[in-house]
């Protein structure tokens, strides 16, 4: 699934809606936004590299009113930014190290540091960042679903190992993730409660997917399949839903529709956007507001706006934190092309909670400015919250830095626990820092890796690998060992379509093959259709 977002191009103080198509970076043929910051002033996205046949080739850009800024690269030809912090100063996404390689790395970008490699992930898995810019959620190769902070590095989160973290709350304390197994399952994770499977509507396939979570962490939006009563294409179509905690709410459809998906949600969860089909089975973008509990066609919202009659809004992908800017895809009726569109509703519609970082706080609970509170974390002993005389700021006794030996590290740079860093040395060849899979510990990368393949779905079929090694009947699991760096292609017998998930993902879509580079032990599920 491609996520597209836009930003307001008019002042928030105006009272009527407006729209504008986004441009493209110099020398590019397109621009696909993927996220927008809280007030809509900064956008990140991707642009295909003209003439590059590699399917993942793209450049990453940051857009402001001043124009486009190239985010650079890690040495490869694929940079795909996915999320941006609330202030618009931190970007996360995926990039490759070598042109043409499907082996992806998680990256973090700031204007001060440029693009930084955080570690390996899988080709099409998402990465997200908290509103305050401090916490990242992603799928780390060899470790599974994780959160990342500068102080702690990667720490695992207790969702199923093949679940993809899709979004993270404003303070980084809540993560939503999706397991694309035989039954698509959405999870909501908190540090205190662990992973809880979000309920579906039932009556059909029980599939449910979480696409976005509010900055407050209370509201999640996505879709759940349901049992269609009339004879319609597809026995189990999706319906847009909104979870308040773990309580599901149907958002329904536009008039005469039977299929809808919620894509994005405002900071407080009161505004939801997505798409629904409507009269004549036409797909259009929608906006839903808790104040009215009603879904509205965005083309009706823009009715009467000069120039709007030349466009058809077909999908609304996301909404800014203040609920005022909608990122949409629209058909330009004059050219017959689809373009990214920014829709500004004219005036903020929701309260934007503040963050701990914005208030300079790092412990305890503070007011969020929207009649709620935000938890700023806990202090590391011997410091206490307010111990230095400043409320909600860790302080107290002098900090004693840790040592490389105490942390079991012997290479690279690590935090010293007191706001500084420690240099733990270098490795002797052929070992490299982290080469054995443990950060900041010298080791040699393994020469072989094991792929565990589970075949599900249509009976009597098999899922096989090229090069040979795996030949798995549906309903069973098998493993095979290959040399690290082997390019594997998986396929089903009889040219069947398959929904792939795991180390190689088809994003919930049907595909006959899935090709990837095996760099570490991994798992894969092929659901034969």
Protein backbone atom coordinates (compact mmCIF):
# COMPACT_ATOMS: atom_id res chain seq x y z
CA UNK A 1 0.00 0.00 0.00
CA UNK A 2 1.35 3.44 -0.95
CA UNK A 3 0.79 6.21 1.55
CA UNK A 4 0.41 9.72 0.16
CA UNK A 5 0.20 12.93 2.18
CA UNK A 6 0.14 16.66 1.52
CA UNK A 7 0.30 19.93 3.43
CA UNK A 8 -1.65 23.18 3.65
CA UNK A 9 -0.72 25.84 1.17
CA UNK A 10 -2.89 28.56 2.74
CA UNK A 11 -3.08 30.08 6.20
CA UNK A 12 -4.93 28.13 8.88
CA UNK A 13 -7.01 31.17 9.73
CA UNK A 14 -9.17 31.10 6.60
CA UNK A 15 -12.67 29.70 6.84
CA UNK A 16 -13.27 28.04 3.45
CA UNK A 17 -11.71 24.89 2.01
CA UNK A 18 -8.99 25.08 -0.64
CA UNK A 19 -6.83 22.64 -2.57
CA UNK A 20 -3.69 22.47 -4.67
CA UNK A 21 -1.81 19.79 -6.57
CA UNK A 22 1.78 19.27 -5.39
CA UNK A 23 4.65 19.78 -7.81
CA UNK A 24 7.66 17.52 -8.43
CA UNK A 25 11.38 17.92 -7.60
CA UNK A 26 13.62 19.25 -10.36
CA UNK A 27 14.58 16.49 -12.79
CA UNK A 28 11.84 14.15 -11.52
CA UNK A 29 8.62 12.96 -13.08
CA UNK A 30 6.59 12.51 -9.92
CA UNK A 31 6.43 13.12 -6.18
CA UNK A 32 4.66 10.75 -3.78
CA UNK A 33 4.32 12.27 -0.31
CA UNK A 34 4.37 9.81 2.58
CA UNK A 35 3.91 11.95 5.69
CA UNK A 36 3.24 15.48 6.90
CA UNK A 37 4.12 17.12 10.20
CA UNK A 38 1.62 18.31 12.80
CA UNK A 39 0.75 21.68 11.28
CA UNK A 40 1.20 20.66 7.65
CA UNK A 41 4.21 22.89 6.96
CA UNK A 42 6.69 20.08 6.20
CA UNK A 43 6.15 17.04 3.94
CA UNK A 44 8.36 14.07 3.10
CA UNK A 45 7.98 11.75 0.17
CA UNK A 46 9.57 9.82 -2.66
CA UNK A 47 10.29 10.44 -6.32
CA UNK A 48 11.04 7.67 -8.82
CA UNK A 49 14.47 7.80 -10.43
CA UNK A 50 13.92 8.30 -14.20
CA UNK A 51 15.42 5.49 -16.26
CA UNK A 52 16.16 3.20 -13.29
CA UNK A 53 14.50 -0.20 -13.84
CA UNK A 54 14.98 -1.33 -10.21
CA UNK A 55 11.45 -1.57 -8.76
CA UNK A 56 12.45 -0.03 -5.41
CA UNK A 57 14.52 2.83 -6.87
CA UNK A 58 13.52 6.21 -5.45
CA UNK A 59 14.92 9.40 -3.97
CA UNK A 60 13.64 10.89 -0.75
CA UNK A 61 12.69 14.54 -0.45
CA UNK A 62 11.58 16.98 2.21
CA UNK A 63 9.18 19.68 1.06
CA UNK A 64 8.48 23.07 2.58
CA UNK A 65 7.08 26.28 1.13
CA UNK A 66 10.66 27.05 0.06
CA UNK A 67 10.79 23.97 -2.20
CA UNK A 68 12.27 20.46 -2.17
CA UNK A 69 15.34 19.22 -0.26
CA UNK A 70 17.02 15.93 -1.21
CA UNK A 71 17.55 13.73 1.88
CA UNK A 72 20.65 12.07 0.39
CA UNK A 73 21.33 8.32 0.43
CA UNK A 74 23.20 5.53 2.21
CA UNK A 75 25.07 4.72 -0.99
CA UNK A 76 22.29 2.90 -2.84
CA UNK A 77 19.51 3.96 -5.18
CA UNK A 78 16.48 3.55 -2.89
CA UNK A 79 15.51 6.09 -0.22
CA UNK A 80 11.90 5.82 0.95
CA UNK A 81 10.94 8.17 3.80
CA UNK A 82 7.80 7.01 5.60
CA UNK A 83 7.13 9.23 8.62
CA UNK A 84 8.11 12.65 9.99
CA UNK A 85 8.05 14.05 13.52
CA UNK A 86 5.51 16.62 14.66
CA UNK A 87 7.98 19.50 14.39
CA UNK A 88 9.07 18.29 10.96
CA UNK A 89 12.73 17.97 11.97
CA UNK A 90 13.20 14.16 12.10
CA UNK A 91 12.45 11.72 9.25
CA UNK A 92 12.53 7.90 9.27
CA UNK A 93 12.25 5.38 6.47
CA UNK A 94 14.05 2.67 4.51
CA UNK A 95 17.09 2.84 2.21
CA UNK A 96 19.54 0.44 0.59
CA UNK A 97 23.35 0.47 0.76
CA UNK A 98 24.06 -0.82 -2.75
CA UNK A 99 22.27 0.16 -5.99
CA UNK A 100 19.79 -2.50 -7.06
CA UNK A 101 19.80 -4.28 -3.68
CA UNK A 102 16.51 -5.25 -2.00
CA UNK A 103 18.29 -5.46 1.37
CA UNK A 104 16.88 -2.47 3.24
CA UNK A 105 18.18 -0.47 6.19
CA UNK A 106 16.23 1.64 8.67
CA UNK A 107 17.34 5.27 8.44
CA UNK A 108 16.91 8.39 10.58
CA UNK A 109 17.44 11.86 9.11
CA UNK A 110 17.86 15.30 10.65
CA UNK A 111 19.21 18.48 9.08
CA UNK A 112 22.15 18.38 11.51
CA UNK A 113 23.16 14.72 11.04
CA UNK A 114 21.93 13.96 7.55
CA UNK A 115 20.79 10.40 6.79
CA UNK A 116 21.96 7.79 9.34
CA UNK A 117 21.89 3.98 9.10
CA UNK A 118 20.24 2.41 12.18
CA UNK A 119 20.23 -1.25 11.17
CA UNK A 120 18.83 -3.89 8.77
CA UNK A 121 15.15 -4.47 8.05
CA UNK A 122 13.12 -6.11 5.29
CA UNK A 123 12.25 -4.73 1.87
CA UNK A 124 8.69 -3.44 2.25
CA UNK A 125 8.16 -3.16 6.01
CA UNK A 126 7.15 0.24 7.44
CA UNK A 127 8.97 2.46 9.95
CA UNK A 128 7.33 5.18 12.06
CA UNK A 129 8.38 7.91 14.50
CA UNK A 130 6.75 9.49 17.54
CA UNK A 131 5.40 13.03 17.34
CA UNK A 132 8.19 14.28 19.63
CA UNK A 133 10.81 12.70 17.35
CA UNK A 134 12.48 10.58 20.03
CA UNK A 135 11.14 7.06 19.40
CA UNK A 136 11.04 4.88 16.28
CA UNK A 137 9.03 1.69 15.70
CA UNK A 138 10.20 -0.75 13.03
CA UNK A 139 10.94 -4.38 12.17
CA UNK A 140 14.64 -5.11 12.78
CA UNK A 141 16.13 -8.05 10.88
CA UNK A 142 17.15 -10.76 13.32
CA UNK A 143 15.24 -9.17 16.22
CA UNK A 144 11.65 -8.67 15.04
CA UNK A 145 9.42 -5.74 16.05
CA UNK A 146 11.34 -3.10 18.04
CA UNK A 147 11.37 0.45 19.36
CA UNK A 148 14.47 2.65 19.05
CA UNK A 149 15.69 5.62 21.07
CA UNK A 150 19.08 7.31 21.01
CA UNK A 151 19.65 6.41 24.66
CA UNK A 152 18.65 2.72 24.55
CA UNK A 153 19.06 1.74 20.91
CA UNK A 154 16.72 -1.05 19.76
CA UNK A 155 14.53 -2.79 22.35
CA UNK A 156 12.03 -5.53 21.41
CA UNK A 157 8.27 -5.12 21.76
CA UNK A 158 6.11 -8.12 22.58
CA UNK A 159 4.02 -8.47 19.43
CA UNK A 160 4.22 -11.53 17.14
CA UNK A 161 7.68 -11.76 15.58
CA UNK A 162 6.34 -11.42 12.02
CA UNK A 163 4.07 -8.44 12.80
CA UNK A 164 4.96 -5.15 11.08
CA UNK A 165 4.82 -2.06 13.35
CA UNK A 166 2.69 0.39 11.33
CA UNK A 167 2.48 3.46 13.56
CA UNK A 168 3.47 4.84 16.96
CA UNK A 169 1.80 7.31 19.32
CA UNK A 170 2.98 10.86 19.89
CA UNK A 171 5.09 10.02 22.95
CA UNK A 172 6.21 6.60 21.67
CA UNK A 173 4.36 4.63 24.35
CA UNK A 174 1.80 2.90 22.09
CA UNK A 175 2.52 0.93 18.89
CA UNK A 176 0.07 -0.62 16.44
CA UNK A 177 1.29 -3.56 14.35
CA UNK A 178 -0.18 -5.95 11.76
CA UNK A 179 0.39 -9.67 11.30
CA UNK A 180 -0.30 -10.62 7.65
CA UNK A 181 -0.68 -14.31 8.36
CA UNK A 182 -3.56 -16.58 7.41
CA UNK A 183 -5.86 -14.19 9.29
CA UNK A 184 -4.78 -10.55 9.13
CA UNK A 185 -4.56 -9.40 12.75
CA UNK A 186 -4.04 -5.90 14.12
CA UNK A 187 -2.34 -5.47 17.52
CA UNK A 188 -2.13 -2.56 19.95
CA UNK A 189 0.97 -2.66 22.16
CA UNK A 190 1.83 -0.77 25.35
CA UNK A 191 4.79 -1.23 27.66
CA UNK A 192 2.50 -2.02 30.59
CA UNK A 193 -0.15 -4.14 28.89
CA UNK A 194 1.82 -5.82 26.12
CA UNK A 195 0.16 -6.71 22.82
CA UNK A 196 -3.62 -6.92 22.58
CA UNK A 197 -5.31 -8.13 19.39
CA UNK A 198 -7.83 -5.54 18.22
CA UNK A 199 -11.30 -6.98 17.59
CA UNK A 200 -12.83 -7.29 14.13
CA UNK A 201 -16.42 -7.03 12.94
CA UNK A 202 -16.72 -10.81 12.54
CA UNK A 203 -19.06 -12.73 10.31
CA UNK A 204 -16.53 -13.24 7.54
CA UNK A 205 -12.75 -13.68 7.32
CA UNK A 206 -12.00 -11.86 10.61
CA UNK A 207 -9.25 -9.83 8.87
CA UNK A 208 -8.51 -6.44 10.43
CA UNK A 209 -5.66 -4.01 9.78
CA UNK A 210 -4.53 -0.92 11.74
CA UNK A 211 -3.22 1.83 9.45
CA UNK A 212 -2.70 4.75 11.83
CA UNK A 213 -2.84 5.75 15.51
CA UNK A 214 -3.64 9.14 16.99
CA UNK A 215 -0.88 11.14 18.64
CA UNK A 216 -2.75 10.67 21.94
CA UNK A 217 -2.44 6.90 21.51
CA UNK A 218 -6.12 6.38 22.31
CA UNK A 219 -7.57 6.04 18.80
CA UNK A 220 -6.54 3.60 16.06
CA UNK A 221 -8.06 3.51 12.55
CA UNK A 222 -7.98 0.97 9.74
CA UNK A 223 -10.42 -1.59 8.41
CA UNK A 224 -12.11 -4.88 9.23
CA UNK A 225 -13.73 -7.27 6.79
CA UNK A 226 -17.43 -7.94 7.22
CA UNK A 227 -20.06 -10.25 5.70
CA UNK A 228 -21.55 -8.42 2.72
CA UNK A 229 -25.29 -9.08 2.60
CA UNK A 230 -25.88 -8.36 -1.08
CA UNK A 231 -24.29 -10.07 -4.07
CA UNK A 232 -21.19 -7.92 -4.60
CA UNK A 233 -17.64 -8.36 -5.87
CA UNK A 234 -15.64 -10.00 -3.11
CA UNK A 235 -17.26 -12.00 -0.35
CA UNK A 236 -15.44 -10.20 2.46
CA UNK A 237 -15.07 -6.48 1.63
CA UNK A 238 -13.40 -4.08 4.09
CA UNK A 239 -15.22 -1.51 6.22
CA UNK A 240 -13.47 1.50 7.74
CA UNK A 241 -13.32 1.20 11.53
CA UNK A 242 -12.10 3.22 14.50
CA UNK A 243 -10.86 1.60 17.70
CA UNK A 244 -11.10 3.57 20.96
CA UNK A 245 -8.58 1.58 22.95
CA UNK A 246 -9.81 -1.90 22.01
CA UNK A 247 -13.48 -1.00 21.39
CA UNK A 248 -14.35 -1.13 17.68
CA UNK A 249 -16.63 1.38 15.94
CA UNK A 250 -18.00 1.00 12.42
CA UNK A 251 -17.54 4.11 10.26
CA UNK A 252 -19.71 2.74 7.45
CA UNK A 253 -19.69 3.85 3.82
CA UNK A 254 -20.67 6.70 1.56
CA UNK A 255 -24.14 6.44 -0.07
CA UNK A 256 -24.63 3.15 -1.98
CA UNK A 257 -21.15 1.98 -0.98
CA UNK A 258 -20.06 -1.33 0.46
CA UNK A 259 -16.26 -0.97 0.70
CA UNK A 260 -14.24 1.55 2.74
CA UNK A 261 -10.82 1.86 4.41
CA UNK A 262 -9.65 4.38 7.03
CA UNK A 263 -6.10 5.62 6.34
CA UNK A 264 -5.27 8.47 8.73
CA UNK A 265 -6.39 10.09 11.97
CA UNK A 266 -5.89 13.45 13.66
CA UNK A 267 -3.90 13.90 16.88
CA UNK A 268 -6.92 13.57 19.17
CA UNK A 269 -8.70 10.95 17.05
CA UNK A 270 -11.71 13.11 16.18
CA UNK A 271 -11.03 13.33 12.42
CA UNK A 272 -10.56 10.26 10.22
CA UNK A 273 -9.86 10.12 6.47
CA UNK A 274 -9.76 7.33 3.90
CA UNK A 275 -11.70 6.07 0.90
CA UNK A 276 -15.10 4.52 0.19
CA UNK A 277 -16.89 3.42 -2.92
CA UNK A 278 -20.18 5.11 -3.64
CA UNK A 279 -22.89 5.29 -6.31
CA UNK A 280 -21.79 3.44 -9.44
CA UNK A 281 -18.97 1.72 -7.49
CA UNK A 282 -16.82 4.86 -7.91
CA UNK A 283 -14.03 5.20 -5.32
CA UNK A 284 -13.74 8.60 -3.61
CA UNK A 285 -11.96 10.06 -0.60
CA UNK A 286 -13.88 10.66 2.62
CA UNK A 287 -13.63 12.60 5.86
CA UNK A 288 -15.33 11.44 9.07
CA UNK A 289 -15.71 13.55 12.24
CA UNK A 290 -16.64 12.32 15.69
CA UNK A 291 -18.71 15.50 16.22
CA UNK A 292 -21.15 14.42 13.51
CA UNK A 293 -20.42 10.66 13.38
CA UNK A 294 -20.86 10.98 9.64
CA UNK A 295 -18.74 10.13 6.57
CA UNK A 296 -18.60 12.86 3.91
CA UNK A 297 -17.39 12.74 0.29
CA UNK A 298 -14.41 15.12 -0.07
CA UNK A 299 -15.63 16.10 -3.51
CA UNK A 300 -18.71 17.52 -1.78
CA UNK A 301 -16.45 19.37 0.68
CA UNK A 302 -14.69 21.01 -2.29
CA UNK A 303 -17.89 21.69 -4.25
CA UNK A 304 -17.95 25.34 -5.27
CA UNK A 305 -14.21 25.86 -4.76
CA UNK A 306 -12.80 27.41 -7.98
CA UNK A 307 -11.25 24.72 -10.18
CA UNK A 308 -12.52 21.78 -8.11
CA UNK A 309 -14.85 20.61 -10.87
CA UNK A 310 -11.75 19.59 -12.89
CA UNK A 311 -10.70 17.07 -10.25
CA UNK A 312 -12.07 13.88 -8.70
CA UNK A 313 -10.67 13.08 -5.24
CA UNK A 314 -10.31 9.30 -5.21
CA UNK A 315 -8.47 8.63 -1.95
CA UNK A 316 -7.68 10.48 1.27
CA UNK A 317 -4.51 9.02 2.74
CA UNK A 318 -3.84 11.04 5.88
CA UNK A 319 -4.75 14.08 7.90
CA UNK A 320 -2.49 16.49 9.78
CA UNK A 321 -2.40 16.42 13.56
CA UNK A 322 -4.62 19.48 13.86
CA UNK A 323 -7.23 17.89 11.60
CA UNK A 324 -7.03 20.76 9.13
CA UNK A 325 -5.03 19.36 6.19
CA UNK A 326 -6.01 16.26 4.23
CA UNK A 327 -3.58 14.39 2.00
CA UNK A 328 -5.40 13.05 -1.02
CA UNK A 329 -5.07 11.48 -4.44
CA UNK A 330 -7.12 13.05 -7.21
CA UNK A 331 -7.78 12.45 -10.88
CA UNK A 332 -6.99 15.49 -13.01
CA UNK A 333 -9.87 15.33 -15.49
CA UNK A 334 -8.05 17.61 -17.93
CA UNK A 335 -4.94 15.42 -18.24
CA UNK A 336 -6.29 12.02 -17.21
CA UNK A 337 -3.47 11.62 -14.64
CA UNK A 338 -3.57 11.01 -10.91
CA UNK A 339 -1.78 13.57 -8.74
CA UNK A 340 -1.18 14.18 -5.04
CA UNK A 341 -3.45 16.89 -3.68
CA UNK A 342 -3.40 19.01 -0.55
CA UNK A 343 -6.84 19.86 0.82
CA UNK A 344 -6.98 22.57 3.49
CA UNK A 345 -10.25 22.70 5.37
CA UNK A 346 -9.67 26.25 6.60
CA UNK A 347 -9.06 26.60 10.33
CA UNK A 348 -7.81 24.01 12.82
CA UNK A 349 -10.54 21.57 13.82
CA UNK A 350 -8.92 19.79 16.75
CA UNK A 351 -6.73 20.56 19.70
CA UNK A 352 -3.03 19.73 19.16
CA UNK A 353 -1.55 18.25 22.35
CA UNK A 354 1.88 19.50 23.35
CA UNK A 355 4.77 17.08 23.88
CA UNK A 356 7.28 16.51 26.64
CA UNK A 357 10.11 17.56 24.31
CA UNK A 358 8.35 20.81 23.42
CA UNK A 359 8.00 21.66 27.12
CA UNK A 360 11.55 20.60 28.02
CA UNK A 361 10.31 17.85 30.36
CA UNK A 362 11.59 14.26 30.64
CA UNK A 363 9.82 12.67 33.62
CA UNK A 364 6.47 12.48 35.33
CA UNK A 365 3.12 13.58 33.96
CA UNK A 366 2.32 17.03 32.55
CA UNK A 367 -0.77 18.69 31.09
CA UNK A 368 -0.98 18.27 27.30
CA UNK A 369 -2.87 21.52 26.69
CA UNK A 370 -5.99 19.68 25.51
CA UNK A 371 -7.57 18.77 28.86
CA UNK A 372 -5.42 15.65 29.11
CA UNK A 373 -1.98 14.59 30.29
CA UNK A 374 1.16 13.14 28.75
CA UNK A 375 3.64 10.84 30.51
CA UNK A 376 7.22 12.07 30.07
CA UNK A 377 8.93 8.94 31.38
CA UNK A 378 11.01 8.04 34.43
CA UNK A 379 14.49 8.98 35.62
CA UNK A 380 17.48 6.69 35.90
CA UNK A 381 18.79 6.30 39.47
CA UNK A 382 20.29 8.09 41.28
CA UNK A 383 18.42 10.96 39.60
CA UNK A 384 14.83 11.64 40.57
CA UNK A 385 12.03 13.57 38.90
CA UNK A 386 12.45 17.20 39.93
CA UNK A 387 15.52 16.29 42.01
CA UNK A 388 17.51 19.14 40.48
CA UNK A 389 14.89 21.71 41.40
CA UNK A 390 13.07 21.82 38.04
CA UNK A 391 9.63 20.22 37.92
CA UNK A 392 9.34 17.20 35.60
CA UNK A 393 13.06 17.26 34.80
CA UNK A 394 15.40 14.52 36.02
CA UNK A 395 18.08 15.76 38.38
CA UNK A 396 19.83 15.21 41.68
CA UNK A 397 23.09 13.50 42.45
CA UNK A 398 25.98 13.76 40.02
CA UNK A 399 25.82 11.22 37.22
CA UNK A 400 28.44 8.46 37.07
CA UNK A 401 29.10 7.43 33.48
CA UNK A 402 28.91 3.74 32.63
CA UNK A 403 31.81 1.92 30.93
CA UNK A 404 32.11 -0.15 27.78
CA UNK A 405 33.01 -3.18 29.91
CA UNK A 406 29.98 -2.72 32.13
CA UNK A 407 27.75 -2.71 29.06
CA UNK A 408 29.54 -5.67 27.48
CA UNK A 409 30.60 -3.61 24.45
CA UNK A 410 33.99 -3.54 22.74
CA UNK A 411 33.61 -1.43 19.60
CA UNK A 412 31.92 1.68 18.24
CA UNK A 413 30.26 4.44 20.26
CA UNK A 414 27.60 4.04 22.96
CA UNK A 415 25.79 6.45 25.33
CA UNK A 416 27.52 6.86 28.70
CA UNK A 417 24.24 7.28 30.58
CA UNK A 418 25.03 10.85 31.51
CA UNK A 419 24.31 12.63 28.28
CA UNK A 420 27.66 11.84 26.67
CA UNK A 421 29.17 8.98 24.67
CA UNK A 422 31.88 6.34 25.07
CA UNK A 423 34.21 5.05 22.35
CA UNK A 424 34.64 1.32 22.88
CA UNK A 425 37.36 0.61 20.31
CA UNK A 426 37.66 -1.03 16.91
CA UNK A 427 37.57 -4.65 15.73
CA UNK A 428 40.32 -6.75 14.19
CA UNK A 429 39.58 -8.04 10.68
CA UNK A 430 37.77 -10.11 9.59
CA UNK A 431 35.50 -9.18 12.49
CA UNK A 432 33.42 -6.01 12.27
CA UNK A 433 31.51 -3.99 14.81
CA UNK A 434 28.12 -5.65 15.20
CA UNK A 435 29.06 -8.22 12.57
CA UNK A 436 27.81 -11.06 14.73
CA UNK A 437 24.41 -9.45 15.17
CA UNK A 438 25.03 -7.78 18.56
CA UNK A 439 25.41 -3.97 18.38
CA UNK A 440 28.80 -2.64 19.49
CA UNK A 441 30.30 -6.11 19.88
CA UNK A 442 32.97 -7.40 17.49
CA UNK A 443 31.94 -10.44 15.51
CA UNK A 444 31.92 -12.06 12.12
CA UNK A 445 28.82 -12.20 10.02
CA UNK A 446 27.46 -15.73 9.55
CA UNK A 447 28.12 -17.34 6.17
CA UNK A 448 24.78 -19.12 6.04
CA UNK A 449 21.22 -18.20 6.95
CA UNK A 450 18.08 -20.28 7.47
CA UNK A 451 14.73 -19.48 5.88
CA UNK A 452 11.68 -20.99 7.58
CA UNK A 453 8.75 -21.13 5.16
CA UNK A 454 5.11 -21.74 6.08
CA UNK A 455 2.67 -22.53 3.25
CA UNK A 456 -1.02 -21.85 3.91
CA UNK A 457 -4.19 -21.50 1.86
CA UNK A 458 -5.36 -23.58 -1.09
CA UNK A 459 -4.98 -27.30 -0.47
CA UNK A 460 -2.93 -29.52 -2.75
CA UNK A 461 -0.48 -26.76 -3.69
CA UNK A 462 3.16 -26.22 -2.76
CA UNK A 463 5.44 -23.23 -2.28
CA UNK A 464 8.94 -23.71 -3.68
CA UNK A 465 12.19 -21.79 -3.81
CA UNK A 466 14.70 -20.91 -6.51
CA UNK A 467 17.50 -21.88 -5.96
CA UNK A 468 16.11 -25.22 -4.84
CA UNK A 469 15.91 -26.05 -1.16
CA UNK A 470 12.31 -25.49 -0.15
CA UNK A 471 9.27 -27.43 -1.43
CA UNK A 472 6.54 -26.95 1.17
CA UNK A 473 2.99 -28.34 0.88
CA UNK A 474 0.19 -26.03 2.04
CA UNK A 475 -0.61 -26.59 5.67
CA UNK A 476 3.00 -27.23 6.67
CA UNK A 477 6.30 -25.54 7.55
CA UNK A 478 9.85 -26.35 6.49
CA UNK A 479 13.29 -24.75 6.71
CA UNK A 480 16.37 -24.66 4.49
CA UNK A 481 19.82 -23.14 4.78
CA UNK A 482 21.38 -20.94 2.08
CA UNK A 483 24.54 -18.90 1.74
CA UNK A 484 24.21 -15.36 3.10
CA UNK A 485 23.48 -13.00 0.23
CA UNK A 486 21.58 -15.60 -1.83
CA UNK A 487 18.83 -14.03 -3.95
CA UNK A 488 15.77 -16.22 -3.42
CA UNK A 489 12.60 -16.35 -5.49
CA UNK A 490 9.53 -17.99 -3.94
CA UNK A 491 6.58 -19.21 -5.99
CA UNK A 492 3.59 -21.53 -5.79
CA UNK A 493 2.92 -24.51 -7.99
CA UNK A 494 0.52 -24.13 -10.93
CA UNK A 495 1.32 -20.39 -11.20
CA UNK A 496 -1.06 -19.67 -8.30
CA UNK A 497 -1.30 -16.16 -6.85
CA UNK A 498 0.09 -15.87 -3.32
CA UNK A 499 -0.14 -13.27 -0.53
CA UNK A 500 3.39 -13.04 0.91
CA UNK A 501 4.35 -11.85 4.39
CA UNK A 502 7.50 -11.93 6.46
CA UNK A 503 11.01 -11.34 5.11
CA UNK A 504 9.43 -10.72 1.69
CA UNK A 505 6.07 -8.95 1.78
CA UNK A 506 3.55 -8.27 -0.98
CA UNK A 507 1.81 -5.73 1.24
CA UNK A 508 -1.39 -7.75 1.44
CA UNK A 509 -1.66 -7.96 -2.36
CA UNK A 510 -1.60 -11.07 -4.55
CA UNK A 511 1.67 -11.79 -6.36
CA UNK A 512 2.91 -14.90 -8.15
CA UNK A 513 6.49 -14.59 -6.89
CA UNK A 514 8.44 -12.85 -4.14
CA UNK A 515 12.17 -12.16 -4.60
CA UNK A 516 14.57 -11.01 -1.88
CA UNK A 517 18.14 -11.32 -0.62
CA UNK A 518 18.59 -13.59 2.42
CA UNK A 519 21.09 -11.90 4.73
CA UNK A 520 20.05 -13.41 8.07
CA UNK A 521 17.78 -16.08 9.55
CA UNK A 522 14.23 -15.21 8.53
CA UNK A 523 10.68 -16.46 8.29
CA UNK A 524 8.16 -16.22 5.46
CA UNK A 525 4.49 -17.15 5.00
CA UNK A 526 2.95 -17.82 1.59
CA UNK A 527 -0.87 -17.86 1.55
CA UNK A 528 -1.72 -19.63 -1.73
CA UNK A 529 -4.90 -18.26 -3.28
